[in-house]
PDB file of N, CA and C in Angstrom:
ATOM      1  N   MET A   1      51.970  -7.298  19.868  1.00  0.00           N
ATOM      2  CA  MET A   1      52.592  -6.058  19.191  1.00  0.00           C
ATOM      3  C   MET A   1      51.360  -5.158  19.033  1.00  0.00           C
ATOM      4  N   GLN A   2      51.862  -3.572  19.341  1.00  0.00           N
ATOM      5  CA  GLN A   2      50.826  -2.694  18.873  1.00  0.00           C
ATOM      6  C   GLN A   2      50.816  -1.469  17.873  1.00  0.00           C
ATOM      7  N   VAL A   3      50.100  -1.478  17.027  1.00  0.00           N
ATOM      8  CA  VAL A   3      50.228  -0.545  16.419  1.00  0.00           C
ATOM      9  C   VAL A   3      49.191   0.630  15.871  1.00  0.00           C
ATOM     10  N   LEU A   4      49.650   1.848  15.765  1.00  0.00           N
ATOM     11  CA  LEU A   4      48.634   3.270  15.757  1.00  0.00           C
ATOM     12  C   LEU A   4      48.413   3.353  14.748  1.00  0.00           C
ATOM     13  N   VAL A   5      47.300   3.400  13.992  1.00  0.00           N
ATOM     14  CA  VAL A   5      46.912   3.814  12.618  1.00  0.00           C
ATOM     15  C   VAL A   5      45.766   4.741  12.403  1.00  0.00           C
ATOM     16  N   ARG A   6      46.054   5.978  12.019  1.00  0.00           N
ATOM     17  CA  ARG A   6      44.983   6.963  11.306  1.00  0.00           C
ATOM     18  C   ARG A   6      44.371   6.828  10.240  1.00  0.00           C
ATOM     19  N   LEU A   7      42.909   6.987  10.358  1.00  0.00           N
ATOM     20  CA  LEU A   7      42.338   6.845   8.900  1.00  0.00           C
ATOM     21  C   LEU A   7      41.093   7.632   9.039  1.00  0.00           C
ATOM     22  N   ASP A   8      41.155   8.203   7.995  1.00  0.00           N
ATOM     23  CA  ASP A   8      40.101   9.445   7.551  1.00  0.00           C
ATOM     24  C   ASP A   8      38.708   8.934   8.060  1.00  0.00           C
ATOM     25  N   GLU A   9      37.892   9.782   7.949  1.00  0.00           N
ATOM     26  CA  GLU A   9      36.211   9.559   8.430  1.00  0.00           C
ATOM     27  C   GLU A   9      35.653   8.521   7.661  1.00  0.00           C
ATOM     28  N   GLU A  10      35.738   8.557   6.243  1.00  0.00           N
ATOM     29  CA  GLU A  10      34.992   7.775   5.423  1.00  0.00           C
ATOM     30  C   GLU A  10      35.667   6.174   5.690  1.00  0.00           C
ATOM     31  N   THR A  11      36.909   6.073   5.721  1.00  0.00           N
ATOM     32  CA  THR A  11      37.509   4.911   5.975  1.00  0.00           C
ATOM     33  C   THR A  11      37.434   4.085   7.557  1.00  0.00           C
ATOM     34  N   GLY A  12      37.291   5.150   8.249  1.00  0.00           N
ATOM     35  CA  GLY A  12      36.912   4.590   9.618  1.00  0.00           C
ATOM     36  C   GLY A  12      35.352   3.961   9.864  1.00  0.00           C
ATOM     37  N   ARG A  13      34.731   4.821   8.903  1.00  0.00           N
ATOM     38  CA  ARG A  13      33.023   4.264   8.820  1.00  0.00           C
ATOM     39  C   ARG A  13      32.752   2.991   8.444  1.00  0.00           C
ATOM     40  N   LEU A  14      33.663   2.857   7.240  1.00  0.00           N
ATOM     41  CA  LEU A  14      33.281   1.660   6.466  1.00  0.00           C
ATOM     42  C   LEU A  14      34.282   0.460   7.169  1.00  0.00           C
ATOM     43  N   LEU A  15      35.083   0.757   8.284  1.00  0.00           N
ATOM     44  CA  LEU A  15      35.957  -0.326   9.038  1.00  0.00           C
ATOM     45  C   LEU A  15      34.912  -0.748  10.090  1.00  0.00           C
ATOM     46  N   ASP A  16      33.969   0.609  10.344  1.00  0.00           N
ATOM     47  CA  ASP A  16      32.950   0.133  11.609  1.00  0.00           C
ATOM     48  C   ASP A  16      31.904  -0.691  10.949  1.00  0.00           C
ATOM     49  N   ARG A  17      31.769  -0.381  10.091  1.00  0.00           N
ATOM     50  CA  ARG A  17      30.560  -1.233   9.230  1.00  0.00           C
ATOM     51  C   ARG A  17      30.619  -2.813   9.252  1.00  0.00           C
ATOM     52  N   VAL A  18      31.642  -2.975   8.378  1.00  0.00           N
ATOM     53  CA  VAL A  18      32.262  -4.288   8.069  1.00  0.00           C
ATOM     54  C   VAL A  18      32.429  -4.781   9.697  1.00  0.00           C
ATOM     55  N   ALA A  19      33.124  -4.231  10.600  1.00  0.00           N
ATOM     56  CA  ALA A  19      33.153  -5.006  11.618  1.00  0.00           C
ATOM     57  C   ALA A  19      32.065  -5.349  12.457  1.00  0.00           C
ATOM     58  N   ARG A  20      30.766  -4.743  12.507  1.00  0.00           N
ATOM     59  CA  ARG A  20      29.639  -4.743  12.756  1.00  0.00           C
ATOM     60  C   ARG A  20      28.866  -6.063  11.954  1.00  0.00           C
ATOM     61  N   SER A  21      29.292  -6.184  10.905  1.00  0.00           N
ATOM     62  CA  SER A  21      28.553  -7.118   9.812  1.00  0.00           C
ATOM     63  C   SER A  21      29.026  -8.449  10.262  1.00  0.00           C
ATOM     64  N   LEU A  22      30.644  -8.230  10.516  1.00  0.00           N
ATOM     65  CA  LEU A  22      31.266  -9.688  10.896  1.00  0.00           C
ATOM     66  C   LEU A  22      31.062 -10.055  12.164  1.00  0.00           C
ATOM     67  N   GLY A  23      30.496  -9.189  13.191  1.00  0.00           N
ATOM     68  CA  GLY A  23      30.561  -9.563  14.690  1.00  0.00           C
ATOM     69  C   GLY A  23      31.705  -9.769  15.168  1.00  0.00           C
ATOM     70  N   VAL A  24      33.019  -8.808  14.763  1.00  0.00           N
ATOM     71  CA  VAL A  24      34.429  -8.792  15.526  1.00  0.00           C
ATOM     72  C   VAL A  24      34.665  -7.382  15.717  1.00  0.00           C
ATOM     73  N   SER A  25      35.473  -7.024  16.148  1.00  0.00           N
ATOM     74  CA  SER A  25      36.214  -5.757  16.308  1.00  0.00           C
ATOM     75  C   SER A  25      36.876  -5.501  15.387  1.00  0.00           C
ATOM     76  N   ARG A  26      36.960  -3.931  15.489  1.00  0.00           N
ATOM     77  CA  ARG A  26      37.720  -3.159  14.657  1.00  0.00           C
ATOM     78  C   ARG A  26      39.242  -3.723  14.300  1.00  0.00           C
ATOM     79  N   ALA A  27      40.029  -3.950  15.355  1.00  0.00           N
ATOM     80  CA  ALA A  27      41.086  -4.669  15.514  1.00  0.00           C
ATOM     81  C   ALA A  27      41.281  -5.903  14.636  1.00  0.00           C
ATOM     82  N   GLU A  28      40.304  -6.748  14.421  1.00  0.00           N
ATOM     83  CA  GLU A  28      40.358  -7.873  13.993  1.00  0.00           C
ATOM     84  C   GLU A  28      40.155  -7.859  12.629  1.00  0.00           C
ATOM     85  N   VAL A  29      39.449  -6.799  12.124  1.00  0.00           N
ATOM     86  CA  VAL A  29      39.040  -6.489  10.603  1.00  0.00           C
ATOM     87  C   VAL A  29      40.264  -6.219  10.232  1.00  0.00           C
ATOM     88  N   VAL A  30      41.160  -5.303  10.945  1.00  0.00           N
ATOM     89  CA  VAL A  30      42.231  -4.827  10.285  1.00  0.00           C
ATOM     90  C   VAL A  30      43.284  -5.824  10.182  1.00  0.00           C
ATOM     91  N   ARG A  31      43.510  -6.738  11.444  1.00  0.00           N
ATOM     92  CA  ARG A  31      44.088  -7.809  11.396  1.00  0.00           C
ATOM     93  C   ARG A  31      44.290  -8.538  10.133  1.00  0.00           C
ATOM     94  N   ARG A  32      42.970  -9.020   9.968  1.00  0.00           N
ATOM     95  CA  ARG A  32      42.654 -10.089   8.942  1.00  0.00           C
ATOM     96  C   ARG A  32      42.978  -9.277   7.314  1.00  0.00           C
ATOM     97  N   ALA A  33      42.751  -8.294   7.278  1.00  0.00           N
ATOM     98  CA  ALA A  33      42.920  -7.576   6.233  1.00  0.00           C
ATOM     99  C   ALA A  33      44.430  -7.150   5.644  1.00  0.00           C
ATOM    100  N   LEU A  34      45.156  -7.049   6.948  1.00  0.00           N
ATOM    101  CA  LEU A  34      46.776  -6.733   6.770  1.00  0.00           C
ATOM    102  C   LEU A  34      47.265  -8.367   6.698  1.00  0.00           C
ATOM    103  N   ARG A  35      46.834  -9.469   7.032  1.00  0.00           N
ATOM    104  CA  ARG A  35      47.462 -10.631   6.916  1.00  0.00           C
ATOM    105  C   ARG A  35      46.981 -10.926   5.188  1.00  0.00           C
ATOM    106  N   LEU A  36      45.708 -10.584   4.810  1.00  0.00           N
ATOM    107  CA  LEU A  36      45.387 -11.055   3.676  1.00  0.00           C
ATOM    108  C   LEU A  36      46.435 -10.382   2.413  1.00  0.00           C
ATOM    109  N   TYR A  37      46.688  -8.753   2.593  1.00  0.00           N
ATOM    110  CA  TYR A  37      47.484  -8.144   1.722  1.00  0.00           C
ATOM    111  C   TYR A  37      48.655  -8.759   2.064  1.00  0.00           C
ATOM    112  N   LEU A  38      49.164  -9.316   2.876  1.00  0.00           N
ATOM    113  CA  LEU A  38      50.572  -9.434   2.827  1.00  0.00           C
ATOM    114  C   LEU A  38      50.843 -10.996   2.362  1.00  0.00           C
ATOM    115  N   ALA A  39      49.941 -11.677   2.357  1.00  0.00           N
ATOM    116  CA  ALA A  39      49.925 -13.262   1.777  1.00  0.00           C
ATOM    117  C   ALA A  39      49.817 -12.559   0.130  1.00  0.00           C
ATOM    118  N   ARG A  40      49.128 -11.969  -0.599  1.00  0.00           N
ATOM    119  CA  ARG A  40      48.760 -12.011  -1.523  1.00  0.00           C
ATOM    120  C   ARG A  40      50.110 -11.006  -2.380  1.00  0.00           C
ATOM    121  N   GLY A  41      50.996 -10.042  -1.787  1.00  0.00           N
ATOM    122  CA  GLY A  41      51.980  -9.385  -2.195  1.00  0.00           C
ATOM    123  C   GLY A  41      53.362 -10.229  -1.967  1.00  0.00           C
ATOM    124  N   ARG A  42      53.376 -11.531  -1.584  1.00  0.00           N
ATOM    125  CA  ARG A  42      54.526 -11.922  -0.994  1.00  0.00           C
ATOM    126  C   ARG A  42      55.975 -11.551  -1.816  1.00  0.00           C
ATOM    127  N   GLY A  43      55.637 -12.489  -3.401  1.00  0.00           N
ATOM    128  CA  GLY A  43      56.663 -12.313  -4.172  1.00  0.00           C
ATOM    129  C   GLY A  43      56.977 -11.094  -4.847  1.00  0.00           C
ATOM    130  N   ARG A  44      55.768 -10.151  -5.011  1.00  0.00           N
ATOM    131  CA  ARG A  44      55.814  -8.948  -5.306  1.00  0.00           C
ATOM    132  C   ARG A  44      56.983  -7.905  -4.375  1.00  0.00           C
ATOM    133  N   MET A  45      56.250  -7.883  -2.987  1.00  0.00           N
ATOM    134  CA  MET A  45      57.165  -7.211  -2.301  1.00  0.00           C
ATOM    135  C   MET A  45      58.782  -7.309  -2.488  1.00  0.00           C
ATOM    136  N   THR A  46      59.202  -8.026  -2.178  1.00  0.00           N
ATOM    137  CA  THR A  46      60.384  -8.267  -2.395  1.00  0.00           C
ATOM    138  C   THR A  46      60.897  -7.777  -3.982  1.00  0.00           C
ATOM    139  N   LYS A  47      60.426  -7.620  -4.779  1.00  0.00           N
ATOM    140  CA  LYS A  47      61.092  -7.150  -6.101  1.00  0.00           C
ATOM    141  C   LYS A  47      60.736  -5.450  -5.889  1.00  0.00           C
ATOM    142  N   ARG A  48      59.856  -5.265  -5.186  1.00  0.00           N
ATOM    143  CA  ARG A  48      59.641  -4.000  -5.006  1.00  0.00           C
ATOM    144  C   ARG A  48      60.934  -3.612  -4.097  1.00  0.00           C
ATOM    145  N   MET A  49      60.960  -4.223  -3.235  1.00  0.00           N
ATOM    146  CA  MET A  49      62.036  -3.743  -2.161  1.00  0.00           C
ATOM    147  C   MET A  49      63.721  -3.818  -2.890  1.00  0.00           C
ATOM    148  N   ARG A  50      63.776  -4.204  -3.925  1.00  0.00           N
ATOM    149  CA  ARG A  50      65.094  -4.517  -4.457  1.00  0.00           C
ATOM    150  C   ARG A  50      65.412  -3.114  -5.128  1.00  0.00           C
ATOM    151  N   GLY A  51      64.450  -2.137  -5.396  1.00  0.00           N
ATOM    152  CA  GLY A  51      64.713  -1.095  -5.985  1.00  0.00           C
ATOM    153  C   GLY A  51      65.008  -0.289  -4.669  1.00  0.00           C
ATOM    154  N   ILE A  52      64.942  -0.608  -3.710  1.00  0.00           N
ATOM    155  CA  ILE A  52      65.117   0.600  -2.635  1.00  0.00           C
ATOM    156  C   ILE A  52      66.600   0.084  -1.966  1.00  0.00           C
ATOM    157  N   VAL A  53      66.713  -1.183  -1.579  1.00  0.00           N
ATOM    158  CA  VAL A  53      68.089  -1.617  -1.041  1.00  0.00           C
ATOM    159  C   VAL A  53      68.776  -2.510  -1.929  1.00  0.00           C
ATOM    160  N   ARG A  54      69.889  -2.250  -1.772  1.00  0.00           N
ATOM    161  CA  ARG A  54      70.862  -3.200  -2.770  1.00  0.00           C
ATOM    162  C   ARG A  54      71.485  -4.308  -1.619  1.00  0.00           C
ATOM    163  N   PRO A  55      71.157  -5.417  -1.183  1.00  0.00           N
ATOM    164  CA  PRO A  55      71.479  -6.280  -0.561  1.00  0.00           C
ATOM    165  C   PRO A  55      72.435  -7.277  -1.449  1.00  0.00           C
ATOM    166  N   LYS A  56      73.208  -8.114  -0.617  1.00  0.00           N
ATOM    167  CA  LYS A  56      74.302  -8.839  -1.275  1.00  0.00           C
ATOM    168  C   LYS A  56      73.812 -10.167  -1.539  1.00  0.00           C
ATOM    169  N   LEU A  57      72.217 -10.283  -1.083  1.00  0.00           N
ATOM    170  CA  LEU A  57      71.401 -11.504  -1.365  1.00  0.00           C
ATOM    171  C   LEU A  57      70.730 -11.671  -2.574  1.00  0.00           C
ATOM    172  N   SER A  58      70.884 -12.857  -3.020  1.00  0.00           N
ATOM    173  CA  SER A  58      69.762 -12.904  -4.153  1.00  0.00           C
ATOM    174  C   SER A  58      68.172 -12.680  -3.777  1.00  0.00           C
ATOM    175  N   LEU A  59      67.306 -12.512  -4.758  1.00  0.00           N
ATOM    176  CA  LEU A  59      65.890 -12.084  -4.161  1.00  0.00           C
ATOM    177  C   LEU A  59      65.689 -13.329  -3.532  1.00  0.00           C
ATOM    178  N   GLU A  60      66.012 -14.878  -4.037  1.00  0.00           N
ATOM    179  CA  GLU A  60      65.235 -15.710  -3.166  1.00  0.00           C
ATOM    180  C   GLU A  60      65.755 -15.906  -1.869  1.00  0.00           C
ATOM    181  N   GLU A  61      67.092 -15.539  -1.707  1.00  0.00           N
ATOM    182  CA  GLU A  61      67.496 -15.435  -0.045  1.00  0.00           C
ATOM    183  C   GLU A  61      66.570 -14.271   0.789  1.00  0.00           C
ATOM    184  N   LEU A  62      66.597 -13.247  -0.025  1.00  0.00           N
ATOM    185  CA  LEU A  62      65.937 -12.113   0.616  1.00  0.00           C
ATOM    186  C   LEU A  62      64.576 -12.212   1.128  1.00  0.00           C
ATOM    187  N   GLU A  63      63.740 -12.635  -0.108  1.00  0.00           N
ATOM    188  CA  GLU A  63      62.429 -13.153   0.431  1.00  0.00           C
ATOM    189  C   GLU A  63      62.494 -14.025   1.584  1.00  0.00           C
ATOM    190  N   GLU A  64      62.867 -15.230   1.491  1.00  0.00           N
ATOM    191  CA  GLU A  64      63.406 -16.186   2.581  1.00  0.00           C
ATOM    192  C   GLU A  64      63.495 -15.569   4.002  1.00  0.00           C
ATOM    193  N   LEU A  65      64.390 -14.601   4.093  1.00  0.00           N
ATOM    194  CA  LEU A  65      64.821 -13.876   5.219  1.00  0.00           C
ATOM    195  C   LEU A  65      63.782 -13.112   5.744  1.00  0.00           C
ATOM    196  N   TYR A  66      63.017 -12.544   4.929  1.00  0.00           N
ATOM    197  CA  TYR A  66      61.789 -11.211   5.151  1.00  0.00           C
ATOM    198  C   TYR A  66      60.774 -12.287   5.680  1.00  0.00           C
ATOM    199  N   TRP A  67      60.221 -13.508   5.123  1.00  0.00           N
ATOM    200  CA  TRP A  67      59.242 -14.056   5.401  1.00  0.00           C
ATOM    201  C   TRP A  67      59.365 -14.647   6.901  1.00  0.00           C
ATOM    202  N   GLU A  68      60.537 -15.267   7.250  1.00  0.00           N
ATOM    203  CA  GLU A  68      60.934 -15.933   8.501  1.00  0.00           C
ATOM    204  C   GLU A  68      61.074 -14.996   9.426  1.00  0.00           C
ATOM    205  N   GLY A  69      61.154 -14.018   9.313  1.00  0.00           N
ATOM    206  CA  GLY A  69      60.915 -12.490  10.079  1.00  0.00           C
ATOM    207  C   GLY A  69      59.775 -12.309  10.374  1.00  0.00           C
ATOM    208  N   ALA A  70      58.687 -12.467   9.413  1.00  0.00           N
ATOM    209  CA  ALA A  70      57.584 -12.345   9.394  1.00  0.00           C
ATOM    210  C   ALA A  70      56.603 -12.985  10.372  1.00  0.00           C
ATOM    211  N   ARG A  71      57.273 -14.195  10.594  1.00  0.00           N
ATOM    212  CA  ARG A  71      56.413 -15.276  11.378  1.00  0.00           C
ATOM    213  C   ARG A  71      56.134 -15.252  12.679  1.00  0.00           C
TER     214      ARG A  71
END
């Protein structure tokens, strides 16, 4: 899957610096950062979604379905 992301100049420069220091592509830095971000917010994300949508599922069922789809 491809995703297009627009960055401000400062964030772009920081991304370039991190990629160079790790010896990987910018895309790899973004993938790693996104994985970390999503893994840390796993439980909190469902609770935040609860205020936006009103599913007929419990929080646990909603979270289970969300993470099954994320695999």
